[in-house]
N, C-alpha and C. Protein backbone atom coordinates (compact mmCIF):
# COMPACT_ATOMS: atom_id res chain seq x y z
N UNK A 1 -121.14 -13.33 -18.50
CA UNK A 1 -121.63 -14.18 -17.41
C UNK A 1 -121.00 -13.78 -16.09
N UNK A 2 -120.04 -12.86 -16.14
CA UNK A 2 -119.38 -12.44 -14.91
C UNK A 2 -120.38 -11.84 -13.93
N UNK A 3 -121.41 -11.18 -14.45
CA UNK A 3 -122.44 -10.64 -13.56
C UNK A 3 -123.15 -11.75 -12.81
N UNK A 4 -123.34 -12.87 -13.50
CA UNK A 4 -123.97 -14.03 -12.88
C UNK A 4 -123.07 -14.55 -11.75
N UNK A 5 -121.78 -14.62 -12.02
CA UNK A 5 -120.84 -15.10 -11.00
C UNK A 5 -120.87 -14.17 -9.80
N UNK A 6 -120.92 -12.86 -10.04
CA UNK A 6 -120.98 -11.92 -8.93
C UNK A 6 -122.23 -12.14 -8.10
N UNK A 7 -123.36 -12.42 -8.77
CA UNK A 7 -124.60 -12.71 -8.04
C UNK A 7 -124.43 -13.95 -7.17
N UNK A 8 -123.78 -14.98 -7.73
CA UNK A 8 -123.55 -16.20 -6.96
C UNK A 8 -122.66 -15.90 -5.75
N UNK A 9 -121.64 -15.10 -5.96
CA UNK A 9 -120.74 -14.77 -4.85
C UNK A 9 -121.50 -14.09 -3.73
N UNK A 10 -122.35 -13.12 -4.11
CA UNK A 10 -123.13 -12.42 -3.09
C UNK A 10 -124.05 -13.39 -2.37
N UNK A 11 -124.67 -14.29 -3.11
CA UNK A 11 -125.56 -15.28 -2.50
C UNK A 11 -124.79 -16.16 -1.52
N UNK A 12 -123.60 -16.61 -1.92
CA UNK A 12 -122.81 -17.46 -1.05
C UNK A 12 -122.36 -16.68 0.19
N UNK A 13 -121.95 -15.44 0.01
CA UNK A 13 -121.51 -14.65 1.15
C UNK A 13 -122.65 -14.51 2.16
N UNK A 14 -123.88 -14.36 1.65
CA UNK A 14 -125.03 -14.22 2.53
C UNK A 14 -125.39 -15.52 3.25
N UNK A 15 -124.92 -16.65 2.70
CA UNK A 15 -125.29 -17.95 3.27
C UNK A 15 -124.11 -18.64 3.97
N UNK A 16 -122.97 -17.97 4.03
CA UNK A 16 -121.78 -18.64 4.57
C UNK A 16 -122.02 -19.21 5.95
N UNK A 17 -122.79 -18.52 6.79
CA UNK A 17 -123.00 -19.00 8.15
C UNK A 17 -123.83 -20.27 8.18
N UNK A 18 -124.42 -20.65 7.03
CA UNK A 18 -125.23 -21.87 6.98
C UNK A 18 -124.50 -23.01 6.28
N UNK A 19 -123.32 -22.73 5.74
CA UNK A 19 -122.60 -23.73 4.94
C UNK A 19 -121.43 -24.28 5.75
N UNK A 20 -121.35 -25.61 5.84
CA UNK A 20 -120.22 -26.18 6.57
C UNK A 20 -118.98 -26.22 5.66
N UNK A 21 -117.84 -26.56 6.24
CA UNK A 21 -116.59 -26.46 5.48
C UNK A 21 -116.59 -27.38 4.26
N UNK A 22 -117.18 -28.56 4.38
CA UNK A 22 -117.19 -29.51 3.25
C UNK A 22 -117.98 -28.92 2.09
N UNK A 23 -119.18 -28.40 2.38
CA UNK A 23 -120.00 -27.81 1.32
C UNK A 23 -119.28 -26.61 0.72
N UNK A 24 -118.63 -25.81 1.56
CA UNK A 24 -117.94 -24.62 1.06
C UNK A 24 -116.81 -25.02 0.12
N UNK A 25 -116.12 -26.11 0.45
CA UNK A 25 -115.03 -26.59 -0.42
C UNK A 25 -115.59 -26.99 -1.78
N UNK A 26 -116.73 -27.67 -1.78
CA UNK A 26 -117.34 -28.08 -3.05
C UNK A 26 -117.75 -26.86 -3.86
N UNK A 27 -118.30 -25.86 -3.18
CA UNK A 27 -118.73 -24.64 -3.86
C UNK A 27 -117.52 -23.93 -4.47
N UNK A 28 -116.43 -23.84 -3.71
CA UNK A 28 -115.23 -23.18 -4.22
C UNK A 28 -114.70 -23.91 -5.45
N UNK A 29 -114.72 -25.25 -5.41
CA UNK A 29 -114.25 -26.02 -6.56
C UNK A 29 -115.13 -25.76 -7.78
N UNK A 30 -116.44 -25.71 -7.55
CA UNK A 30 -117.37 -25.47 -8.66
C UNK A 30 -117.15 -24.07 -9.25
N UNK A 31 -117.00 -23.08 -8.38
CA UNK A 31 -116.77 -21.71 -8.85
C UNK A 31 -115.45 -21.63 -9.61
N UNK A 32 -114.41 -22.29 -9.10
CA UNK A 32 -113.11 -22.27 -9.76
C UNK A 32 -113.22 -22.90 -11.15
N UNK A 33 -113.99 -24.00 -11.26
CA UNK A 33 -114.15 -24.66 -12.55
C UNK A 33 -114.87 -23.74 -13.53
N UNK A 34 -115.92 -23.09 -13.08
CA UNK A 34 -116.67 -22.18 -13.95
C UNK A 34 -115.78 -21.03 -14.39
N UNK A 35 -115.04 -20.45 -13.45
CA UNK A 35 -114.20 -19.31 -13.78
C UNK A 35 -113.10 -19.72 -14.74
N UNK A 36 -112.56 -20.92 -14.59
CA UNK A 36 -111.53 -21.41 -15.50
C UNK A 36 -112.10 -21.58 -16.90
N UNK A 37 -113.31 -22.11 -16.99
CA UNK A 37 -113.94 -22.30 -18.30
C UNK A 37 -114.17 -20.96 -18.98
N UNK A 38 -114.41 -19.92 -18.19
CA UNK A 38 -114.69 -18.61 -18.76
C UNK A 38 -113.41 -17.81 -18.98
N UNK A 39 -112.27 -18.38 -18.60
CA UNK A 39 -111.00 -17.72 -18.83
C UNK A 39 -110.70 -16.62 -17.82
N UNK A 40 -111.33 -16.69 -16.66
CA UNK A 40 -111.07 -15.69 -15.62
C UNK A 40 -109.96 -16.21 -14.73
N UNK A 41 -108.88 -15.44 -14.55
CA UNK A 41 -107.78 -15.89 -13.69
C UNK A 41 -108.24 -16.06 -12.25
N UNK A 42 -107.80 -17.12 -11.59
CA UNK A 42 -108.21 -17.39 -10.21
C UNK A 42 -107.59 -16.36 -9.27
């Protein structure tokens, strides 16, 4: 699923200029939770 995460990262990087800090914080928390569940070190 790491390929999926990489796709999400690219999508977020492309949209960063449209995301405010609050939304970005929520996204980071969600990504961190997913990565933790998959055993990927932060």
